[in-house]
Amino acid sequence: MSSVAIVGAGPGLGTAVARRFGREGFAVGLVARDRGRLDAIADALAAEGVTARGFAADVRRPEQLAAALGELADALGTVEVLQYSPVPHRDFMRPVLETRHRDLVGPIEFSVYGPVAAVQQVLPGMRRLGRGTILFVNGGSAAVPHPERAGTSIAFAAESAYGHLLHDRLAGEGIHVAQLIIPGAITAGHARKDPEALADRLWALHEERHGFRHYADDLDS
């Protein structure tokens, strides 16, 4: 049995993706800092017939994140799909002229060290399976840098570069790497940015397996 690991799982997009992949027979591993919230989401999913468990970890602590993903694979099966989609902290979004070098430590830990640790942990299992999908979910500043959100703009650019390099290097091994850019806020009821609509889009990226960067909506939306 294989699993989907959702790093940054919460009650919105993470739960919607868990539900979508769960319907397809995946066991779901939910990774975030708040153990109580994870357990509540897992219980709600279980009531819908989805096998789900929570694993607490802070993405800014790479060893902790890797350990949680290792526990997830042991409990639920090899990670076939990794989604990295934690929501950035508000204090990462300072204007560029007010951003000092220390202000970039958090964003880089969050959007570079975290993804690298997660990928390195799950990649051997994907290679053993001979297949896998790695999904990066980012805001619009990953595509167009925003001068009022310097931290995320800089760190998302690095995350995007890492993801694109993985996409090019791993395609020949049956491992697809894709990025979904979500401009603006995830919005309940929106035709393209409702959590359920985004979950369908992420499932399609896993199934269709073409191209690296994709957009949930127009960048000016």
N, C-alpha and C. Protein backbone atom coordinates (compact mmCIF):
# COMPACT_ATOMS: atom_id res chain seq x y z
N MET A 1 0.85 -1.19 0.00
CA MET A 1 0.00 0.00 0.00
C MET A 1 0.89 1.24 0.00
N SER A 2 0.49 2.24 -0.77
CA SER A 2 1.24 3.49 -0.80
C SER A 2 0.39 4.61 -0.22
N SER A 3 1.04 5.75 0.03
CA SER A 3 0.36 6.83 0.74
C SER A 3 0.63 8.17 0.08
N VAL A 4 -0.19 9.15 0.46
CA VAL A 4 0.06 10.54 0.11
C VAL A 4 0.42 11.26 1.40
N ALA A 5 1.49 12.03 1.37
CA ALA A 5 1.90 12.83 2.52
C ALA A 5 1.62 14.29 2.21
N ILE A 6 0.83 14.93 3.06
CA ILE A 6 0.46 16.33 2.87
C ILE A 6 1.15 17.16 3.95
N VAL A 7 2.20 17.86 3.56
CA VAL A 7 2.97 18.67 4.51
C VAL A 7 2.37 20.07 4.54
N GLY A 8 1.95 20.47 5.74
CA GLY A 8 1.22 21.72 5.89
C GLY A 8 -0.27 21.50 5.88
N ALA A 9 -0.70 20.31 6.30
CA ALA A 9 -2.12 19.96 6.27
C ALA A 9 -2.92 20.80 7.25
N GLY A 10 -4.03 21.32 6.78
CA GLY A 10 -4.93 22.10 7.62
C GLY A 10 -6.37 21.82 7.23
N PRO A 11 -7.30 22.57 7.78
CA PRO A 11 -8.73 22.30 7.55
C PRO A 11 -9.24 22.70 6.17
N GLY A 12 -8.42 23.44 5.40
CA GLY A 12 -8.86 23.89 4.08
C GLY A 12 -8.33 23.01 2.97
N LEU A 13 -7.28 23.48 2.30
CA LEU A 13 -6.73 22.75 1.16
C LEU A 13 -6.23 21.36 1.55
N GLY A 14 -5.51 21.26 2.66
CA GLY A 14 -4.97 19.97 3.05
C GLY A 14 -6.05 18.91 3.23
N THR A 15 -7.12 19.28 3.88
CA THR A 15 -8.22 18.33 4.09
C THR A 15 -8.88 17.97 2.77
N ALA A 16 -9.05 18.95 1.90
CA ALA A 16 -9.67 18.69 0.59
C ALA A 16 -8.81 17.72 -0.23
N VAL A 17 -7.50 17.93 -0.21
CA VAL A 17 -6.60 17.02 -0.94
C VAL A 17 -6.62 15.63 -0.32
N ALA A 18 -6.64 15.57 1.00
CA ALA A 18 -6.72 14.28 1.68
C ALA A 18 -7.98 13.53 1.27
N ARG A 19 -9.08 14.23 1.22
CA ARG A 19 -10.35 13.62 0.82
C ARG A 19 -10.28 13.13 -0.63
N ARG A 20 -9.70 13.97 -1.51
CA ARG A 20 -9.65 13.62 -2.94
C ARG A 20 -8.78 12.40 -3.18
N PHE A 21 -7.59 12.37 -2.59
CA PHE A 21 -6.71 11.23 -2.78
C PHE A 21 -7.23 10.01 -2.03
N GLY A 22 -7.87 10.25 -0.89
CA GLY A 22 -8.46 9.14 -0.14
C GLY A 22 -9.52 8.41 -0.94
N ARG A 23 -10.30 9.16 -1.71
CA ARG A 23 -11.33 8.53 -2.56
C ARG A 23 -10.72 7.61 -3.60
N GLU A 24 -9.46 7.88 -3.94
CA GLU A 24 -8.78 7.07 -4.94
C GLU A 24 -8.03 5.90 -4.32
N GLY A 25 -8.19 5.71 -3.02
CA GLY A 25 -7.60 4.56 -2.36
C GLY A 25 -6.29 4.81 -1.65
N PHE A 26 -5.83 6.04 -1.63
CA PHE A 26 -4.59 6.35 -0.92
C PHE A 26 -4.82 6.43 0.59
N ALA A 27 -3.88 5.90 1.36
CA ALA A 27 -3.80 6.24 2.78
C ALA A 27 -3.21 7.64 2.87
N VAL A 28 -3.66 8.42 3.85
CA VAL A 28 -3.30 9.84 3.92
C VAL A 28 -2.51 10.13 5.20
N GLY A 29 -1.32 10.70 5.03
CA GLY A 29 -0.54 11.17 6.15
C GLY A 29 -0.58 12.69 6.21
N LEU A 30 -0.99 13.23 7.33
CA LEU A 30 -1.14 14.67 7.51
C LEU A 30 0.00 15.18 8.39
N VAL A 31 0.75 16.16 7.90
CA VAL A 31 1.91 16.66 8.63
C VAL A 31 1.75 18.15 8.88
N ALA A 32 1.82 18.55 10.13
CA ALA A 32 1.77 19.96 10.53
C ALA A 32 2.23 20.03 11.98
N ARG A 33 2.27 21.24 12.53
CA ARG A 33 2.80 21.39 13.89
C ARG A 33 1.80 21.01 14.98
N ASP A 34 0.52 21.26 14.75
CA ASP A 34 -0.50 21.15 15.79
C ASP A 34 -1.09 19.74 15.84
N ARG A 35 -0.65 18.94 16.80
CA ARG A 35 -1.11 17.56 16.91
C ARG A 35 -2.62 17.46 17.10
N GLY A 36 -3.18 18.33 17.93
CA GLY A 36 -4.61 18.29 18.17
C GLY A 36 -5.42 18.54 16.92
N ARG A 37 -5.01 19.52 16.12
CA ARG A 37 -5.72 19.81 14.88
C ARG A 37 -5.59 18.64 13.90
N LEU A 38 -4.40 18.06 13.82
CA LEU A 38 -4.20 16.92 12.93
C LEU A 38 -5.11 15.76 13.30
N ASP A 39 -5.19 15.48 14.60
CA ASP A 39 -6.03 14.37 15.05
C ASP A 39 -7.49 14.63 14.73
N ALA A 40 -7.93 15.87 14.87
CA ALA A 40 -9.33 16.20 14.55
C ALA A 40 -9.61 16.00 13.06
N ILE A 41 -8.67 16.42 12.20
CA ILE A 41 -8.85 16.24 10.76
C ILE A 41 -8.85 14.76 10.42
N ALA A 42 -7.92 14.01 11.00
CA ALA A 42 -7.85 12.57 10.72
C ALA A 42 -9.13 11.87 11.15
N ASP A 43 -9.69 12.24 12.29
CA ASP A 43 -10.94 11.63 12.76
C ASP A 43 -12.08 11.94 11.81
N ALA A 44 -12.16 13.19 11.33
CA ALA A 44 -13.22 13.57 10.40
C ALA A 44 -13.08 12.80 9.09
N LEU A 45 -11.86 12.63 8.61
CA LEU A 45 -11.66 11.87 7.39
C LEU A 45 -12.00 10.40 7.58
N ALA A 46 -11.64 9.85 8.74
CA ALA A 46 -11.97 8.45 9.02
C ALA A 46 -13.47 8.23 8.99
N ALA A 47 -14.23 9.21 9.46
CA ALA A 47 -15.69 9.10 9.44
C ALA A 47 -16.23 9.05 8.01
N GLU A 48 -15.44 9.55 7.06
CA GLU A 48 -15.82 9.51 5.65
C GLU A 48 -15.24 8.29 4.93
N GLY A 49 -14.56 7.43 5.68
CA GLY A 49 -14.01 6.22 5.09
C GLY A 49 -12.60 6.35 4.57
N VAL A 50 -11.89 7.45 4.91
CA VAL A 50 -10.52 7.67 4.46
C VAL A 50 -9.55 7.25 5.56
N THR A 51 -8.57 6.44 5.22
CA THR A 51 -7.53 6.07 6.17
C THR A 51 -6.57 7.24 6.31
N ALA A 52 -6.49 7.82 7.49
CA ALA A 52 -5.68 9.03 7.68
C ALA A 52 -5.09 9.05 9.08
N ARG A 53 -3.86 9.57 9.17
CA ARG A 53 -3.21 9.77 10.47
C ARG A 53 -2.40 11.05 10.44
N GLY A 54 -2.28 11.67 11.60
CA GLY A 54 -1.50 12.88 11.74
C GLY A 54 -0.11 12.61 12.29
N PHE A 55 0.86 13.41 11.83
CA PHE A 55 2.25 13.30 12.27
C PHE A 55 2.77 14.71 12.50
N ALA A 56 3.05 15.04 13.74
CA ALA A 56 3.41 16.42 14.09
C ALA A 56 4.87 16.71 13.75
N ALA A 57 5.10 17.84 13.08
CA ALA A 57 6.46 18.28 12.77
C ALA A 57 6.42 19.74 12.35
N ASP A 58 7.50 20.44 12.62
CA ASP A 58 7.69 21.82 12.20
C ASP A 58 8.56 21.81 10.94
N VAL A 59 8.07 22.37 9.84
CA VAL A 59 8.84 22.32 8.59
C VAL A 59 10.14 23.09 8.68
N ARG A 60 10.27 23.98 9.67
CA ARG A 60 11.52 24.73 9.84
C ARG A 60 12.56 23.93 10.62
N ARG A 61 12.22 22.71 10.99
CA ARG A 61 13.17 21.81 11.64
C ARG A 61 13.33 20.58 10.75
N PRO A 62 14.28 20.59 9.83
CA PRO A 62 14.38 19.54 8.81
C PRO A 62 14.47 18.12 9.37
N GLU A 63 15.23 17.93 10.43
CA GLU A 63 15.36 16.58 10.99
C GLU A 63 14.02 16.10 11.55
N GLN A 64 13.27 17.01 12.17
CA GLN A 64 11.97 16.66 12.71
C GLN A 64 11.00 16.30 11.59
N LEU A 65 11.03 17.06 10.50
CA LEU A 65 10.16 16.80 9.37
C LEU A 65 10.51 15.45 8.73
N ALA A 66 11.79 15.20 8.54
CA ALA A 66 12.20 13.92 7.95
C ALA A 66 11.77 12.75 8.82
N ALA A 67 11.91 12.89 10.13
CA ALA A 67 11.51 11.82 11.04
C ALA A 67 10.01 11.56 10.96
N ALA A 68 9.21 12.63 10.88
CA ALA A 68 7.76 12.46 10.78
C ALA A 68 7.39 11.74 9.49
N LEU A 69 8.05 12.08 8.40
CA LEU A 69 7.75 11.41 7.13
C LEU A 69 8.20 9.94 7.16
N GLY A 70 9.26 9.66 7.87
CA GLY A 70 9.67 8.27 8.04
C GLY A 70 8.64 7.47 8.82
N GLU A 71 8.13 8.07 9.89
CA GLU A 71 7.07 7.41 10.68
C GLU A 71 5.81 7.21 9.84
N LEU A 72 5.50 8.20 9.02
CA LEU A 72 4.32 8.14 8.15
C LEU A 72 4.43 6.94 7.21
N ALA A 73 5.58 6.80 6.56
CA ALA A 73 5.76 5.69 5.63
C ALA A 73 5.68 4.34 6.33
N ASP A 74 6.25 4.25 7.52
CA ASP A 74 6.19 3.00 8.28
C ASP A 74 4.76 2.64 8.64
N ALA A 75 3.95 3.65 8.96
CA ALA A 75 2.59 3.40 9.42
C ALA A 75 1.60 3.20 8.28
N LEU A 76 1.78 3.94 7.17
CA LEU A 76 0.75 3.98 6.13
C LEU A 76 1.19 3.42 4.79
N GLY A 77 2.45 3.15 4.64
CA GLY A 77 2.96 2.66 3.36
C GLY A 77 3.84 3.69 2.69
N THR A 78 4.64 3.24 1.76
CA THR A 78 5.58 4.10 1.05
C THR A 78 4.89 5.35 0.51
N VAL A 79 5.53 6.48 0.69
CA VAL A 79 4.96 7.74 0.18
C VAL A 79 5.12 7.77 -1.34
N GLU A 80 3.98 7.68 -2.04
CA GLU A 80 3.97 7.76 -3.49
C GLU A 80 3.76 9.20 -3.96
N VAL A 81 3.03 9.97 -3.14
CA VAL A 81 2.76 11.37 -3.48
C VAL A 81 3.13 12.23 -2.28
N LEU A 82 3.95 13.24 -2.54
CA LEU A 82 4.31 14.23 -1.52
C LEU A 82 3.77 15.58 -1.96
N GLN A 83 2.96 16.20 -1.11
CA GLN A 83 2.52 17.57 -1.37
C GLN A 83 3.14 18.47 -0.31
N TYR A 84 3.84 19.51 -0.75
CA TYR A 84 4.45 20.47 0.18
C TYR A 84 3.69 21.78 0.04
N SER A 85 2.88 22.10 1.06
CA SER A 85 1.99 23.26 0.94
C SER A 85 1.71 23.97 2.25
N PRO A 86 2.71 24.13 3.13
CA PRO A 86 2.45 24.88 4.36
C PRO A 86 2.20 26.36 4.04
N VAL A 87 1.41 27.01 4.87
CA VAL A 87 1.09 28.43 4.66
C VAL A 87 2.17 29.29 5.30
N PRO A 88 2.78 30.21 4.54
CA PRO A 88 3.87 31.03 5.10
C PRO A 88 3.40 31.92 6.24
N HIS A 89 4.31 32.22 7.16
CA HIS A 89 4.01 33.12 8.26
C HIS A 89 3.86 34.55 7.74
N ARG A 90 3.03 35.32 8.40
CA ARG A 90 2.83 36.72 7.99
C ARG A 90 4.11 37.54 8.10
N ASP A 91 4.95 37.22 9.07
CA ASP A 91 6.16 38.03 9.25
C ASP A 91 7.22 37.76 8.19
N PHE A 92 6.94 36.82 7.25
CA PHE A 92 7.83 36.62 6.12
C PHE A 92 7.60 37.68 5.04
N MET A 93 6.50 38.42 5.16
CA MET A 93 6.05 39.30 4.07
C MET A 93 6.33 40.76 4.38
N ARG A 94 7.60 41.09 4.54
CA ARG A 94 8.02 42.47 4.78
C ARG A 94 8.34 43.16 3.45
N PRO A 95 8.19 44.49 3.39
CA PRO A 95 8.62 45.22 2.20
C PRO A 95 10.12 45.01 1.96
N VAL A 96 10.52 45.00 0.72
CA VAL A 96 11.89 44.64 0.38
C VAL A 96 12.91 45.58 1.02
N LEU A 97 12.63 46.87 1.11
CA LEU A 97 13.61 47.80 1.67
C LEU A 97 13.68 47.74 3.19
N GLU A 98 12.73 47.03 3.81
CA GLU A 98 12.76 46.83 5.26
C GLU A 98 13.23 45.42 5.62
N THR A 99 13.61 44.64 4.63
CA THR A 99 14.01 43.25 4.85
C THR A 99 15.51 43.16 5.04
N ARG A 100 15.92 42.72 6.23
CA ARG A 100 17.34 42.52 6.54
C ARG A 100 17.69 41.05 6.35
N HIS A 101 18.97 40.77 6.39
CA HIS A 101 19.38 39.39 6.11
C HIS A 101 18.78 38.39 7.09
N ARG A 102 18.64 38.80 8.36
CA ARG A 102 18.07 37.87 9.34
C ARG A 102 16.59 37.61 9.09
N ASP A 103 15.91 38.55 8.41
CA ASP A 103 14.50 38.36 8.10
C ASP A 103 14.28 37.25 7.07
N LEU A 104 15.34 36.85 6.40
CA LEU A 104 15.22 35.81 5.38
C LEU A 104 15.48 34.41 5.91
N VAL A 105 15.94 34.32 7.16
CA VAL A 105 16.22 32.99 7.72
C VAL A 105 14.95 32.15 7.76
N GLY A 106 13.88 32.68 8.32
CA GLY A 106 12.63 31.94 8.41
C GLY A 106 12.08 31.51 7.06
N PRO A 107 11.94 32.44 6.10
CA PRO A 107 11.45 32.04 4.79
C PRO A 107 12.29 30.97 4.11
N ILE A 108 13.61 31.07 4.24
CA ILE A 108 14.47 30.07 3.60
C ILE A 108 14.33 28.71 4.30
N GLU A 109 14.27 28.72 5.62
CA GLU A 109 14.03 27.45 6.34
C GLU A 109 12.72 26.82 5.88
N PHE A 110 11.70 27.67 5.73
CA PHE A 110 10.34 27.23 5.43
C PHE A 110 10.21 26.71 4.01
N SER A 111 10.81 27.43 3.06
CA SER A 111 10.56 27.14 1.64
C SER A 111 11.73 26.48 0.91
N VAL A 112 12.86 26.31 1.58
CA VAL A 112 13.99 25.63 0.96
C VAL A 112 14.42 24.43 1.79
N TYR A 113 14.82 24.66 3.04
CA TYR A 113 15.28 23.54 3.85
C TYR A 113 14.17 22.51 4.05
N GLY A 114 12.95 22.98 4.30
CA GLY A 114 11.83 22.06 4.50
C GLY A 114 11.57 21.17 3.29
N PRO A 115 11.38 21.77 2.09
CA PRO A 115 11.16 20.93 0.91
C PRO A 115 12.30 19.96 0.62
N VAL A 116 13.54 20.44 0.77
CA VAL A 116 14.67 19.55 0.49
C VAL A 116 14.68 18.37 1.46
N ALA A 117 14.44 18.63 2.73
CA ALA A 117 14.41 17.54 3.72
C ALA A 117 13.29 16.56 3.40
N ALA A 118 12.13 17.08 3.02
CA ALA A 118 10.98 16.22 2.72
C ALA A 118 11.26 15.35 1.49
N VAL A 119 11.77 15.96 0.44
CA VAL A 119 12.04 15.21 -0.79
C VAL A 119 13.10 14.15 -0.55
N GLN A 120 14.18 14.51 0.13
CA GLN A 120 15.24 13.54 0.38
C GLN A 120 14.75 12.36 1.21
N GLN A 121 13.77 12.60 2.08
CA GLN A 121 13.24 11.51 2.90
C GLN A 121 12.38 10.54 2.09
N VAL A 122 11.56 11.07 1.19
CA VAL A 122 10.60 10.20 0.48
C VAL A 122 11.13 9.67 -0.84
N LEU A 123 12.16 10.28 -1.40
CA LEU A 123 12.63 9.89 -2.72
C LEU A 123 13.09 8.43 -2.82
N PRO A 124 13.82 7.89 -1.84
CA PRO A 124 14.22 6.48 -1.97
C PRO A 124 13.02 5.53 -2.10
N GLY A 125 11.94 5.83 -1.36
CA GLY A 125 10.76 4.98 -1.46
C GLY A 125 10.10 5.09 -2.83
N MET A 126 10.03 6.30 -3.37
CA MET A 126 9.47 6.46 -4.72
C MET A 126 10.29 5.70 -5.74
N ARG A 127 11.61 5.74 -5.59
CA ARG A 127 12.47 5.01 -6.52
C ARG A 127 12.25 3.51 -6.41
N ARG A 128 12.02 3.02 -5.21
CA ARG A 128 11.73 1.58 -5.06
C ARG A 128 10.41 1.23 -5.74
N LEU A 129 9.42 2.13 -5.63
CA LEU A 129 8.14 1.88 -6.29
C LEU A 129 8.25 1.99 -7.81
N GLY A 130 9.20 2.80 -8.26
CA GLY A 130 9.32 3.06 -9.69
C GLY A 130 8.35 4.12 -10.18
N ARG A 131 7.77 4.87 -9.23
CA ARG A 131 6.83 5.93 -9.59
C ARG A 131 6.69 6.87 -8.39
N GLY A 132 6.15 8.05 -8.66
CA GLY A 132 5.91 9.00 -7.58
C GLY A 132 5.54 10.35 -8.13
N THR A 133 4.99 11.19 -7.26
CA THR A 133 4.63 12.55 -7.62
C THR A 133 5.00 13.47 -6.47
N ILE A 134 5.64 14.59 -6.80
CA ILE A 134 5.98 15.61 -5.81
C ILE A 134 5.29 16.89 -6.26
N LEU A 135 4.46 17.44 -5.39
CA LEU A 135 3.65 18.62 -5.71
C LEU A 135 4.03 19.78 -4.79
N PHE A 136 4.47 20.87 -5.38
CA PHE A 136 4.73 22.09 -4.63
C PHE A 136 3.56 23.06 -4.86
N VAL A 137 3.04 23.62 -3.78
CA VAL A 137 1.94 24.58 -3.88
C VAL A 137 2.42 25.92 -3.35
N ASN A 138 2.33 26.95 -4.19
CA ASN A 138 2.86 28.27 -3.82
C ASN A 138 1.89 29.38 -4.19
N GLY A 139 2.09 30.55 -3.58
CA GLY A 139 1.32 31.73 -3.92
C GLY A 139 1.89 32.41 -5.16
N GLY A 140 1.20 33.47 -5.58
CA GLY A 140 1.56 34.17 -6.80
C GLY A 140 2.95 34.77 -6.81
N SER A 141 3.50 35.10 -5.63
CA SER A 141 4.84 35.70 -5.60
C SER A 141 5.93 34.72 -6.00
N ALA A 142 5.59 33.43 -6.12
CA ALA A 142 6.55 32.47 -6.66
C ALA A 142 6.78 32.71 -8.14
N ALA A 143 5.78 33.30 -8.82
CA ALA A 143 5.89 33.56 -10.25
C ALA A 143 6.26 35.00 -10.54
N VAL A 144 5.68 35.93 -9.77
CA VAL A 144 5.95 37.36 -9.95
C VAL A 144 6.34 37.94 -8.59
N PRO A 145 7.61 38.27 -8.36
CA PRO A 145 8.04 38.81 -7.06
C PRO A 145 7.25 40.05 -6.69
N HIS A 146 6.90 40.14 -5.40
CA HIS A 146 6.10 41.27 -4.91
C HIS A 146 6.94 42.09 -3.95
N PRO A 147 7.11 43.40 -4.20
CA PRO A 147 8.01 44.20 -3.36
C PRO A 147 7.55 44.34 -1.91
N GLU A 148 6.29 44.08 -1.63
CA GLU A 148 5.80 44.15 -0.25
C GLU A 148 5.86 42.80 0.45
N ARG A 149 6.29 41.77 -0.27
CA ARG A 149 6.37 40.41 0.29
C ARG A 149 7.72 39.81 -0.07
N ALA A 150 8.76 40.48 0.39
CA ALA A 150 10.11 40.12 -0.05
C ALA A 150 10.50 38.71 0.39
N GLY A 151 10.21 38.36 1.62
CA GLY A 151 10.63 37.06 2.15
C GLY A 151 10.08 35.90 1.34
N THR A 152 8.76 35.92 1.12
CA THR A 152 8.18 34.82 0.35
C THR A 152 8.60 34.89 -1.11
N SER A 153 8.72 36.08 -1.66
CA SER A 153 9.14 36.20 -3.07
C SER A 153 10.52 35.57 -3.28
N ILE A 154 11.44 35.86 -2.38
CA ILE A 154 12.80 35.33 -2.50
C ILE A 154 12.83 33.82 -2.25
N ALA A 155 12.17 33.39 -1.17
CA ALA A 155 12.20 31.97 -0.80
C ALA A 155 11.41 31.12 -1.78
N PHE A 156 10.26 31.62 -2.25
CA PHE A 156 9.48 30.87 -3.24
C PHE A 156 10.26 30.72 -4.55
N ALA A 157 11.05 31.74 -4.91
CA ALA A 157 11.86 31.63 -6.12
C ALA A 157 12.86 30.49 -5.98
N ALA A 158 13.47 30.38 -4.81
CA ALA A 158 14.41 29.28 -4.57
C ALA A 158 13.70 27.94 -4.57
N GLU A 159 12.53 27.87 -3.94
CA GLU A 159 11.76 26.62 -3.93
C GLU A 159 11.37 26.22 -5.36
N SER A 160 10.97 27.22 -6.15
CA SER A 160 10.59 26.95 -7.54
C SER A 160 11.77 26.40 -8.33
N ALA A 161 12.94 27.00 -8.14
CA ALA A 161 14.14 26.52 -8.84
C ALA A 161 14.45 25.08 -8.45
N TYR A 162 14.35 24.78 -7.17
CA TYR A 162 14.60 23.41 -6.70
C TYR A 162 13.61 22.45 -7.33
N GLY A 163 12.33 22.82 -7.32
CA GLY A 163 11.32 21.96 -7.90
C GLY A 163 11.54 21.72 -9.39
N HIS A 164 11.91 22.78 -10.10
CA HIS A 164 12.14 22.64 -11.54
C HIS A 164 13.33 21.73 -11.82
N LEU A 165 14.39 21.86 -11.03
CA LEU A 165 15.54 20.97 -11.18
C LEU A 165 15.14 19.52 -10.94
N LEU A 166 14.32 19.29 -9.92
CA LEU A 166 13.84 17.93 -9.66
C LEU A 166 13.01 17.41 -10.82
N HIS A 167 12.14 18.28 -11.34
CA HIS A 167 11.29 17.89 -12.47
C HIS A 167 12.15 17.38 -13.63
N ASP A 168 13.19 18.12 -13.96
CA ASP A 168 14.03 17.74 -15.09
C ASP A 168 14.83 16.47 -14.81
N ARG A 169 15.30 16.33 -13.58
CA ARG A 169 16.18 15.21 -13.26
C ARG A 169 15.42 13.89 -13.04
N LEU A 170 14.20 13.97 -12.49
CA LEU A 170 13.50 12.75 -12.07
C LEU A 170 12.50 12.22 -13.08
N ALA A 171 12.21 12.99 -14.13
CA ALA A 171 11.19 12.57 -15.09
C ALA A 171 11.50 11.20 -15.68
N GLY A 172 12.77 10.93 -15.95
CA GLY A 172 13.15 9.66 -16.55
C GLY A 172 13.02 8.48 -15.62
N GLU A 173 12.76 8.75 -14.32
CA GLU A 173 12.60 7.66 -13.35
C GLU A 173 11.12 7.41 -13.03
N GLY A 174 10.22 8.06 -13.74
CA GLY A 174 8.80 7.87 -13.47
C GLY A 174 8.31 8.69 -12.30
N ILE A 175 9.08 9.69 -11.87
CA ILE A 175 8.69 10.54 -10.75
C ILE A 175 8.40 11.93 -11.30
N HIS A 176 7.16 12.36 -11.17
CA HIS A 176 6.73 13.63 -11.74
C HIS A 176 6.76 14.70 -10.65
N VAL A 177 7.33 15.85 -10.98
CA VAL A 177 7.40 16.98 -10.05
C VAL A 177 6.68 18.16 -10.69
N ALA A 178 5.74 18.74 -9.97
CA ALA A 178 4.94 19.85 -10.51
C ALA A 178 4.72 20.90 -9.43
N GLN A 179 4.45 22.11 -9.89
CA GLN A 179 4.16 23.22 -9.00
C GLN A 179 2.81 23.82 -9.39
N LEU A 180 1.96 24.06 -8.40
CA LEU A 180 0.69 24.75 -8.63
C LEU A 180 0.78 26.12 -7.98
N ILE A 181 0.66 27.18 -8.78
CA ILE A 181 0.64 28.54 -8.28
C ILE A 181 -0.82 28.94 -8.04
N ILE A 182 -1.11 29.40 -6.82
CA ILE A 182 -2.46 29.86 -6.48
C ILE A 182 -2.39 31.37 -6.24
N PRO A 183 -2.77 32.18 -7.23
CA PRO A 183 -2.74 33.63 -7.04
C PRO A 183 -3.80 34.07 -6.02
N GLY A 184 -3.45 35.00 -5.15
CA GLY A 184 -4.42 35.48 -4.17
C GLY A 184 -4.76 34.41 -3.14
N ALA A 185 -5.93 34.55 -2.56
CA ALA A 185 -6.34 33.67 -1.46
C ALA A 185 -7.14 32.47 -1.95
N ILE A 186 -6.99 31.35 -1.24
CA ILE A 186 -7.89 30.21 -1.44
C ILE A 186 -9.27 30.66 -0.95
N THR A 187 -10.28 30.47 -1.78
CA THR A 187 -11.59 31.08 -1.51
C THR A 187 -12.71 30.05 -1.66
N ALA A 188 -13.40 29.77 -0.58
CA ALA A 188 -14.53 28.84 -0.64
C ALA A 188 -15.57 29.35 -1.62
N GLY A 189 -16.03 28.46 -2.48
CA GLY A 189 -17.05 28.81 -3.45
C GLY A 189 -16.52 29.35 -4.76
N HIS A 190 -15.24 29.66 -4.82
CA HIS A 190 -14.64 30.17 -6.06
C HIS A 190 -14.52 29.02 -7.06
N ALA A 191 -14.78 29.30 -8.33
CA ALA A 191 -14.79 28.25 -9.35
C ALA A 191 -13.46 27.53 -9.46
N ARG A 192 -12.35 28.26 -9.27
CA ARG A 192 -11.03 27.66 -9.44
C ARG A 192 -10.20 27.62 -8.16
N LYS A 193 -10.55 28.44 -7.17
CA LYS A 193 -9.72 28.51 -5.96
C LYS A 193 -10.43 28.02 -4.70
N ASP A 194 -11.57 27.37 -4.87
CA ASP A 194 -12.18 26.66 -3.75
C ASP A 194 -11.29 25.46 -3.40
N PRO A 195 -11.17 25.10 -2.12
CA PRO A 195 -10.30 23.97 -1.77
C PRO A 195 -10.59 22.69 -2.54
N GLU A 196 -11.87 22.38 -2.75
CA GLU A 196 -12.20 21.15 -3.46
C GLU A 196 -11.78 21.24 -4.93
N ALA A 197 -11.93 22.43 -5.55
CA ALA A 197 -11.51 22.61 -6.94
C ALA A 197 -9.99 22.48 -7.05
N LEU A 198 -9.27 23.04 -6.08
CA LEU A 198 -7.81 22.93 -6.08
C LEU A 198 -7.37 21.49 -5.86
N ALA A 199 -8.09 20.77 -5.01
CA ALA A 199 -7.76 19.36 -4.79
C ALA A 199 -7.94 18.56 -6.08
N ASP A 200 -9.00 18.86 -6.82
CA ASP A 200 -9.20 18.19 -8.11
C ASP A 200 -8.05 18.51 -9.06
N ARG A 201 -7.60 19.77 -9.04
CA ARG A 201 -6.51 20.17 -9.92
C ARG A 201 -5.22 19.44 -9.54
N LEU A 202 -4.95 19.31 -8.26
CA LEU A 202 -3.75 18.62 -7.82
C LEU A 202 -3.82 17.13 -8.16
N TRP A 203 -4.99 16.55 -8.05
CA TRP A 203 -5.16 15.15 -8.47
C TRP A 203 -4.87 15.03 -9.97
N ALA A 204 -5.36 15.99 -10.76
CA ALA A 204 -5.12 15.96 -12.20
C ALA A 204 -3.62 16.08 -12.50
N LEU A 205 -2.90 16.92 -11.76
CA LEU A 205 -1.45 17.02 -11.98
C LEU A 205 -0.76 15.69 -11.70
N HIS A 206 -1.22 15.00 -10.68
CA HIS A 206 -0.68 13.68 -10.36
C HIS A 206 -0.98 12.68 -11.47
N GLU A 207 -2.17 12.75 -12.03
CA GLU A 207 -2.60 11.79 -13.05
C GLU A 207 -2.04 12.10 -14.43
N GLU A 208 -2.05 13.37 -14.81
CA GLU A 208 -1.70 13.74 -16.19
C GLU A 208 -0.20 13.84 -16.42
N ARG A 209 0.54 14.30 -15.42
CA ARG A 209 2.00 14.18 -15.40
C ARG A 209 2.68 14.89 -16.58
N HIS A 210 2.35 16.15 -16.77
CA HIS A 210 3.05 16.90 -17.81
C HIS A 210 3.33 18.32 -17.33
N GLY A 211 4.51 18.83 -17.66
CA GLY A 211 4.88 20.19 -17.32
C GLY A 211 5.18 20.38 -15.85
N PHE A 212 5.95 21.43 -15.56
CA PHE A 212 6.28 21.73 -14.16
C PHE A 212 5.33 22.75 -13.56
N ARG A 213 5.27 23.97 -14.13
CA ARG A 213 4.50 25.03 -13.48
C ARG A 213 3.09 25.13 -14.06
N HIS A 214 2.13 25.20 -13.13
CA HIS A 214 0.72 25.32 -13.50
C HIS A 214 0.09 26.42 -12.63
N TYR A 215 -0.97 27.01 -13.14
CA TYR A 215 -1.64 28.11 -12.45
C TYR A 215 -3.08 27.74 -12.16
N ALA A 216 -3.49 27.98 -10.91
CA ALA A 216 -4.88 27.72 -10.55
C ALA A 216 -5.83 28.77 -11.11
N ASP A 217 -5.31 29.98 -11.35
CA ASP A 217 -6.13 31.07 -11.84
C ASP A 217 -5.20 32.12 -12.46
N ASP A 218 -5.77 33.15 -13.07
CA ASP A 218 -4.97 34.23 -13.62
C ASP A 218 -4.18 34.93 -12.52
N LEU A 219 -2.97 35.36 -12.83
CA LEU A 219 -2.11 35.97 -11.82
C LEU A 219 -2.69 37.26 -11.26
N ASP A 220 -3.51 37.96 -12.03
CA ASP A 220 -4.08 39.22 -11.53
C ASP A 220 -5.42 39.02 -10.84
N SER A 221 -5.78 37.76 -10.56
CA SER A 221 -7.09 37.49 -9.94
C SER A 221 -7.05 37.76 -8.44
